[in-house]
Amino acid sequence: MSEILNEPASDNRPAIDEFLRAHGAADMPHPGGTLLQHLNRVSRRLADWGAPPEVQTAGLCHATYGTDGFAPSLLNLADRRVLVDLIGERPEALVHLYASCDRAVTYPRLRAGERPAFRDRFAEADLQPVAEDLRAFLEITAANELDVFEHNADLAARYGSAMYRLLEPVSSLLSAAAWDAVRRELGGGAAL
């Protein structure tokens, strides 16, 4: 049975699925099963929220270079061109942005009405993502964390309220559907 849960966000979806499988995502444990299952659920959630196809594709591949919260990577940063050729420049740039986030530095900088300085953990430098990229980053963050919390009650209990408090000041940067899901599923801690 296929682990693909939604219609392709990209005409290249079968090749993306094969890439993820070939690089170990179907065998890598992750809350809710495997990393591949998680990636598909994140992409599906983004699709359900009405995210643009390039954001859905970035969500599908968001852990390719590892993340600050999930160290294993599927592809070395030196091989970024492989992912660009597979999914396109814009989705790959969003994957790289998501993977590069130094959460300990960037998250406290997320405040209402401000464009935060984003800390790139790979370059060890601050950058200012354009508003559209920041919105995509936050949308993928919400989809990712909600999926993790849905499949790991311990993590939800420990970090769900903090994630709600993190996203609340920048809720205007999320789509209405994403913010509604965050409110409904985290509810400022009430759901925990």
C-alpha atoms as a PDB file:
ATOM      1  CA  MET A   1       0.000   0.000   0.000  1.00  0.00           C
ATOM      2  CA  SER A   2       1.307   3.446  -0.859  1.00  0.00           C
ATOM      3  CA  GLU A   3       2.318   5.795   1.926  1.00  0.00           C
ATOM      4  CA  ILE A   4       1.346   8.786  -0.221  1.00  0.00           C
ATOM      5  CA  LEU A   5      -1.681  10.265   1.497  1.00  0.00           C
ATOM      6  CA  ASN A   6      -2.773  13.006  -0.881  1.00  0.00           C
ATOM      7  CA  GLU A   7      -2.796  14.046  -4.465  1.00  0.00           C
ATOM      8  CA  PRO A   8       0.598  15.188  -5.693  1.00  0.00           C
ATOM      9  CA  ALA A   9       1.566  18.780  -4.940  1.00  0.00           C
ATOM     10  CA  SER A  10       3.988  18.314  -7.787  1.00  0.00           C
ATOM     11  CA  ASP A  11       3.867  16.533 -11.117  1.00  0.00           C
ATOM     12  CA  ASN A  12       7.119  14.967  -9.920  1.00  0.00           C
ATOM     13  CA  ARG A  13       5.589  13.333  -6.831  1.00  0.00           C
ATOM     14  CA  PRO A  14       6.475   9.716  -7.771  1.00  0.00           C
ATOM     15  CA  ALA A  15      10.120  10.710  -8.272  1.00  0.00           C
ATOM     16  CA  ILE A  16      10.113  12.606  -4.964  1.00  0.00           C
ATOM     17  CA  ASP A  17       8.649   9.582  -3.194  1.00  0.00           C
ATOM     18  CA  GLU A  18      11.312   7.342  -4.760  1.00  0.00           C
ATOM     19  CA  PHE A  19      14.061   9.799  -3.722  1.00  0.00           C
ATOM     20  CA  LEU A  20      12.813   9.838  -0.126  1.00  0.00           C
ATOM     21  CA  ARG A  21      12.626   6.041  -0.044  1.00  0.00           C
ATOM     22  CA  ALA A  22      16.061   5.622  -1.658  1.00  0.00           C
ATOM     23  CA  HIS A  23      17.556   7.932   0.972  1.00  0.00           C
ATOM     24  CA  GLY A  24      16.106   5.974   3.890  1.00  0.00           C
ATOM     25  CA  ALA A  25      13.001   7.946   4.879  1.00  0.00           C
ATOM     26  CA  ALA A  26      10.791   4.828   4.767  1.00  0.00           C
ATOM     27  CA  ASP A  27      13.079   3.062   7.254  1.00  0.00           C
ATOM     28  CA  MET A  28      13.818   5.937   9.636  1.00  0.00           C
ATOM     29  CA  PRO A  29      11.766   5.886  12.855  1.00  0.00           C
ATOM     30  CA  HIS A  30       9.750   9.015  13.603  1.00  0.00           C
ATOM     31  CA  PRO A  31       6.725   9.725  15.813  1.00  0.00           C
ATOM     32  CA  GLY A  32       3.760   8.110  14.080  1.00  0.00           C
ATOM     33  CA  GLY A  33       5.784   5.484  12.234  1.00  0.00           C
ATOM     34  CA  THR A  34       8.513   6.418   9.790  1.00  0.00           C
ATOM     35  CA  LEU A  35       9.961   9.680   8.581  1.00  0.00           C
ATOM     36  CA  LEU A  36       8.329   9.068   5.194  1.00  0.00           C
ATOM     37  CA  GLN A  37       4.908   8.725   6.794  1.00  0.00           C
ATOM     38  CA  HIS A  38       5.519  11.937   8.752  1.00  0.00           C
ATOM     39  CA  LEU A  39       6.653  13.823   5.641  1.00  0.00           C
ATOM     40  CA  ASN A  40       3.549  12.717   3.761  1.00  0.00           C
ATOM     41  CA  ARG A  41       1.289  13.763   6.636  1.00  0.00           C
ATOM     42  CA  VAL A  42       2.956  17.193   6.821  1.00  0.00           C
ATOM     43  CA  SER A  43       2.488  17.688   3.081  1.00  0.00           C
ATOM     44  CA  ARG A  44      -1.136  16.540   3.344  1.00  0.00           C
ATOM     45  CA  ARG A  45      -1.811  18.936   6.220  1.00  0.00           C
ATOM     46  CA  LEU A  46      -0.340  21.794   4.182  1.00  0.00           C
ATOM     47  CA  ALA A  47      -2.534  20.792   1.221  1.00  0.00           C
ATOM     48  CA  ASP A  48      -5.592  20.697   3.494  1.00  0.00           C
ATOM     49  CA  TRP A  49      -4.718  24.232   4.644  1.00  0.00           C
ATOM     50  CA  GLY A  50      -4.556  25.428   1.032  1.00  0.00           C
ATOM     51  CA  ALA A  51      -0.795  26.022   0.974  1.00  0.00           C
ATOM     52  CA  PRO A  52       0.718  26.670  -2.460  1.00  0.00           C
ATOM     53  CA  PRO A  53       2.166  23.595  -4.222  1.00  0.00           C
ATOM     54  CA  GLU A  54       5.759  24.717  -3.623  1.00  0.00           C
ATOM     55  CA  VAL A  55       5.101  24.924   0.130  1.00  0.00           C
ATOM     56  CA  GLN A  56       3.456  21.482   0.081  1.00  0.00           C
ATOM     57  CA  THR A  57       6.507  20.100  -1.727  1.00  0.00           C
ATOM     58  CA  ALA A  58       8.855  21.791   0.741  1.00  0.00           C
ATOM     59  CA  GLY A  59       6.803  20.274   3.561  1.00  0.00           C
ATOM     60  CA  LEU A  60       7.173  16.864   1.950  1.00  0.00           C
ATOM     61  CA  CYS A  61      10.948  17.270   1.848  1.00  0.00           C
ATOM     62  CA  HIS A  62      11.480  19.466   4.924  1.00  0.00           C
ATOM     63  CA  ALA A  63      13.776  16.996   6.738  1.00  0.00           C
ATOM     64  CA  THR A  64      16.054  16.297   3.778  1.00  0.00           C
ATOM     65  CA  TYR A  65      18.981  18.182   5.343  1.00  0.00           C
ATOM     66  CA  GLY A  66      17.965  17.319   8.902  1.00  0.00           C
ATOM     67  CA  THR A  67      16.588  19.954  11.250  1.00  0.00           C
ATOM     68  CA  ASP A  68      17.571  21.524  14.533  1.00  0.00           C
ATOM     69  CA  GLY A  69      15.153  19.104  16.202  1.00  0.00           C
ATOM     70  CA  PHE A  70      15.801  16.015  14.040  1.00  0.00           C
ATOM     71  CA  ALA A  71      19.481  15.454  13.317  1.00  0.00           C
ATOM     72  CA  PRO A  72      19.415  12.657  10.718  1.00  0.00           C
ATOM     73  CA  SER A  73      19.636  13.941   7.163  1.00  0.00           C
ATOM     74  CA  LEU A  74      18.797  12.295   3.880  1.00  0.00           C
ATOM     75  CA  LEU A  75      21.160  14.389   1.781  1.00  0.00           C
ATOM     76  CA  ASN A  76      24.349  16.290   2.439  1.00  0.00           C
ATOM     77  CA  LEU A  77      24.191  20.071   2.052  1.00  0.00           C
ATOM     78  CA  ALA A  78      26.974  19.842  -0.519  1.00  0.00           C
ATOM     79  CA  ASP A  79      24.483  17.965  -2.721  1.00  0.00           C
ATOM     80  CA  ARG A  80      21.728  20.586  -2.687  1.00  0.00           C
ATOM     81  CA  ARG A  81      21.667  20.577  -6.498  1.00  0.00           C
ATOM     82  CA  VAL A  82      20.201  17.051  -6.390  1.00  0.00           C
ATOM     83  CA  LEU A  83      17.154  18.318  -4.502  1.00  0.00           C
ATOM     84  CA  VAL A  84      16.901  21.465  -6.655  1.00  0.00           C
ATOM     85  CA  ASP A  85      16.814  19.290  -9.781  1.00  0.00           C
ATOM     86  CA  LEU A  86      14.158  17.068  -8.216  1.00  0.00           C
ATOM     87  CA  ILE A  87      11.732  19.590  -6.682  1.00  0.00           C
ATOM     88  CA  GLY A  88      12.731  22.983  -8.110  1.00  0.00           C
ATOM     89  CA  GLU A  89      14.579  26.017  -6.803  1.00  0.00           C
ATOM     90  CA  ARG A  90      11.823  27.617  -4.728  1.00  0.00           C
ATOM     91  CA  PRO A  91      10.748  24.475  -2.831  1.00  0.00           C
ATOM     92  CA  GLU A  92      14.394  23.545  -2.228  1.00  0.00           C
ATOM     93  CA  ALA A  93      15.139  27.033  -0.914  1.00  0.00           C
ATOM     94  CA  LEU A  94      12.251  26.612   1.545  1.00  0.00           C
ATOM     95  CA  VAL A  95      13.572  23.181   2.591  1.00  0.00           C
ATOM     96  CA  HIS A  96      16.991  24.731   3.179  1.00  0.00           C
ATOM     97  CA  LEU A  97      15.502  27.642   5.133  1.00  0.00           C
ATOM     98  CA  TYR A  98      13.515  25.265   7.324  1.00  0.00           C
ATOM     99  CA  ALA A  99      16.510  22.988   7.924  1.00  0.00           C
ATOM    100  CA  SER A 100      18.853  25.885   8.624  1.00  0.00           C
ATOM    101  CA  CYS A 101      16.765  27.354  11.436  1.00  0.00           C
ATOM    102  CA  ASP A 102      18.630  27.624  14.729  1.00  0.00           C
ATOM    103  CA  ARG A 103      15.518  27.278  16.864  1.00  0.00           C
ATOM    104  CA  ALA A 104      17.078  28.415  20.146  1.00  0.00           C
ATOM    105  CA  VAL A 105      18.029  31.742  18.576  1.00  0.00           C
ATOM    106  CA  THR A 106      15.238  32.253  16.030  1.00  0.00           C
ATOM    107  CA  TYR A 107      12.160  31.221  18.010  1.00  0.00           C
ATOM    108  CA  PRO A 108      12.524  33.877  20.748  1.00  0.00           C
ATOM    109  CA  ARG A 109      12.766  36.489  18.002  1.00  0.00           C
ATOM    110  CA  LEU A 110       9.286  35.703  16.640  1.00  0.00           C
ATOM    111  CA  ARG A 111       7.187  38.662  17.763  1.00  0.00           C
ATOM    112  CA  ALA A 112       4.035  40.326  16.542  1.00  0.00           C
ATOM    113  CA  GLY A 113       4.591  43.083  14.021  1.00  0.00           C
ATOM    114  CA  GLU A 114       8.289  42.344  13.517  1.00  0.00           C
ATOM    115  CA  ARG A 115      10.294  40.541  10.887  1.00  0.00           C
ATOM    116  CA  PRO A 116      12.620  38.437  13.018  1.00  0.00           C
ATOM    117  CA  ALA A 117      16.294  38.012  12.414  1.00  0.00           C
ATOM    118  CA  PHE A 118      16.502  34.368  11.410  1.00  0.00           C
ATOM    119  CA  ARG A 119      19.564  32.471  12.612  1.00  0.00           C
ATOM    120  CA  ASP A 120      21.025  30.081  10.017  1.00  0.00           C
ATOM    121  CA  ARG A 121      22.639  27.225  11.954  1.00  0.00           C
ATOM    122  CA  PHE A 122      24.644  26.090   8.924  1.00  0.00           C
ATOM    123  CA  ALA A 123      26.178  29.484   8.120  1.00  0.00           C
ATOM    124  CA  GLU A 124      26.132  30.621  11.771  1.00  0.00           C
ATOM    125  CA  ALA A 125      24.769  33.950  10.592  1.00  0.00           C
ATOM    126  CA  ASP A 126      21.582  35.987  10.804  1.00  0.00           C
ATOM    127  CA  LEU A 127      19.440  36.632   7.756  1.00  0.00           C
ATOM    128  CA  GLN A 128      16.149  38.355   7.022  1.00  0.00           C
ATOM    129  CA  PRO A 129      13.886  36.042   5.035  1.00  0.00           C
ATOM    130  CA  VAL A 130      11.422  37.810   2.776  1.00  0.00           C
ATOM    131  CA  ALA A 131       7.874  37.830   4.142  1.00  0.00           C
ATOM    132  CA  GLU A 132       6.686  35.079   1.776  1.00  0.00           C
ATOM    133  CA  ASP A 133       9.507  32.762   2.904  1.00  0.00           C
ATOM    134  CA  LEU A 134       8.865  33.527   6.565  1.00  0.00           C
ATOM    135  CA  ARG A 135       5.186  32.681   6.079  1.00  0.00           C
ATOM    136  CA  ALA A 136       6.104  29.379   4.397  1.00  0.00           C
ATOM    137  CA  PHE A 137       8.587  28.583   7.181  1.00  0.00           C
ATOM    138  CA  LEU A 138       5.931  29.181   9.849  1.00  0.00           C
ATOM    139  CA  GLU A 139       3.304  27.177   7.957  1.00  0.00           C
ATOM    140  CA  ILE A 140       5.683  24.200   7.634  1.00  0.00           C
ATOM    141  CA  THR A 141       6.661  24.606  11.298  1.00  0.00           C
ATOM    142  CA  ALA A 142       3.018  24.464  12.393  1.00  0.00           C
ATOM    143  CA  ALA A 143       2.246  21.443  10.190  1.00  0.00           C
ATOM    144  CA  ASN A 144       5.369  19.628  11.347  1.00  0.00           C
ATOM    145  CA  GLU A 145       4.869  20.237  15.059  1.00  0.00           C
ATOM    146  CA  LEU A 146       1.150  19.444  15.016  1.00  0.00           C
ATOM    147  CA  ASP A 147       1.905  16.116  13.348  1.00  0.00           C
ATOM    148  CA  VAL A 148       4.647  15.284  15.864  1.00  0.00           C
ATOM    149  CA  PHE A 149       2.382  16.189  18.788  1.00  0.00           C
ATOM    150  CA  GLU A 150      -0.490  14.162  17.354  1.00  0.00           C
ATOM    151  CA  HIS A 151       1.745  11.085  17.328  1.00  0.00           C
ATOM    152  CA  ASN A 152       3.722  11.611  20.545  1.00  0.00           C
ATOM    153  CA  ALA A 153       1.694  12.482  23.634  1.00  0.00           C
ATOM    154  CA  ASP A 154       4.815  12.998  25.754  1.00  0.00           C
ATOM    155  CA  LEU A 155       6.209  15.627  23.384  1.00  0.00           C
ATOM    156  CA  ALA A 156       2.775  17.228  23.124  1.00  0.00           C
ATOM    157  CA  ALA A 157       2.524  17.472  26.907  1.00  0.00           C
ATOM    158  CA  ARG A 158       6.041  18.870  27.249  1.00  0.00           C
ATOM    159  CA  TYR A 159       6.122  21.286  24.307  1.00  0.00           C
ATOM    160  CA  GLY A 160       2.591  21.860  22.971  1.00  0.00           C
ATOM    161  CA  SER A 161       1.853  24.903  25.132  1.00  0.00           C
ATOM    162  CA  ALA A 162       5.213  26.446  24.281  1.00  0.00           C
ATOM    163  CA  MET A 163       4.557  25.940  20.552  1.00  0.00           C
ATOM    164  CA  TYR A 164       1.179  27.636  20.924  1.00  0.00           C
ATOM    165  CA  ARG A 165       2.811  30.591  22.717  1.00  0.00           C
ATOM    166  CA  LEU A 166       5.504  30.712  20.019  1.00  0.00           C
ATOM    167  CA  LEU A 167       3.027  30.870  17.137  1.00  0.00           C
ATOM    168  CA  GLU A 168       0.377  33.072  18.732  1.00  0.00           C
ATOM    169  CA  PRO A 169       2.248  36.400  18.286  1.00  0.00           C
ATOM    170  CA  VAL A 170       2.889  35.612  14.609  1.00  0.00           C
ATOM    171  CA  SER A 171      -0.496  34.026  13.923  1.00  0.00           C
ATOM    172  CA  SER A 172      -1.249  36.735  11.346  1.00  0.00           C
ATOM    173  CA  LEU A 173       1.576  35.272   9.243  1.00  0.00           C
ATOM    174  CA  LEU A 174      -0.094  31.857   9.172  1.00  0.00           C
ATOM    175  CA  SER A 175      -2.992  31.006   6.903  1.00  0.00           C
ATOM    176  CA  ALA A 176      -6.369  31.112   8.614  1.00  0.00           C
ATOM    177  CA  ALA A 177      -6.607  27.313   8.280  1.00  0.00           C
ATOM    178  CA  ALA A 178      -3.194  26.783   9.877  1.00  0.00           C
ATOM    179  CA  TRP A 179      -3.915  29.101  12.789  1.00  0.00           C
ATOM    180  CA  ASP A 180      -7.331  27.503  13.312  1.00  0.00           C
ATOM    181  CA  ALA A 181      -5.623  24.090  13.498  1.00  0.00           C
ATOM    182  CA  VAL A 182      -3.021  25.366  15.973  1.00  0.00           C
ATOM    183  CA  ARG A 183      -5.773  26.882  18.152  1.00  0.00           C
ATOM    184  CA  ARG A 184      -7.929  23.782  17.919  1.00  0.00           C
ATOM    185  CA  GLU A 185      -5.155  21.227  18.466  1.00  0.00           C
ATOM    186  CA  LEU A 186      -3.044  23.107  20.999  1.00  0.00           C
ATOM    187  CA  GLY A 187      -5.581  25.572  22.345  1.00  0.00           C
ATOM    188  CA  GLY A 188      -3.020  27.393  24.383  1.00  0.00           C
ATOM    189  CA  GLY A 189      -2.437  24.186  26.304  1.00  0.00           C
ATOM    190  CA  ALA A 190      -6.064  23.273  26.921  1.00  0.00           C
ATOM    191  CA  ALA A 191      -5.836  20.301  24.550  1.00  0.00           C
ATOM    192  CA  LEU A 192      -2.880  18.912  26.446  1.00  0.00           C
END
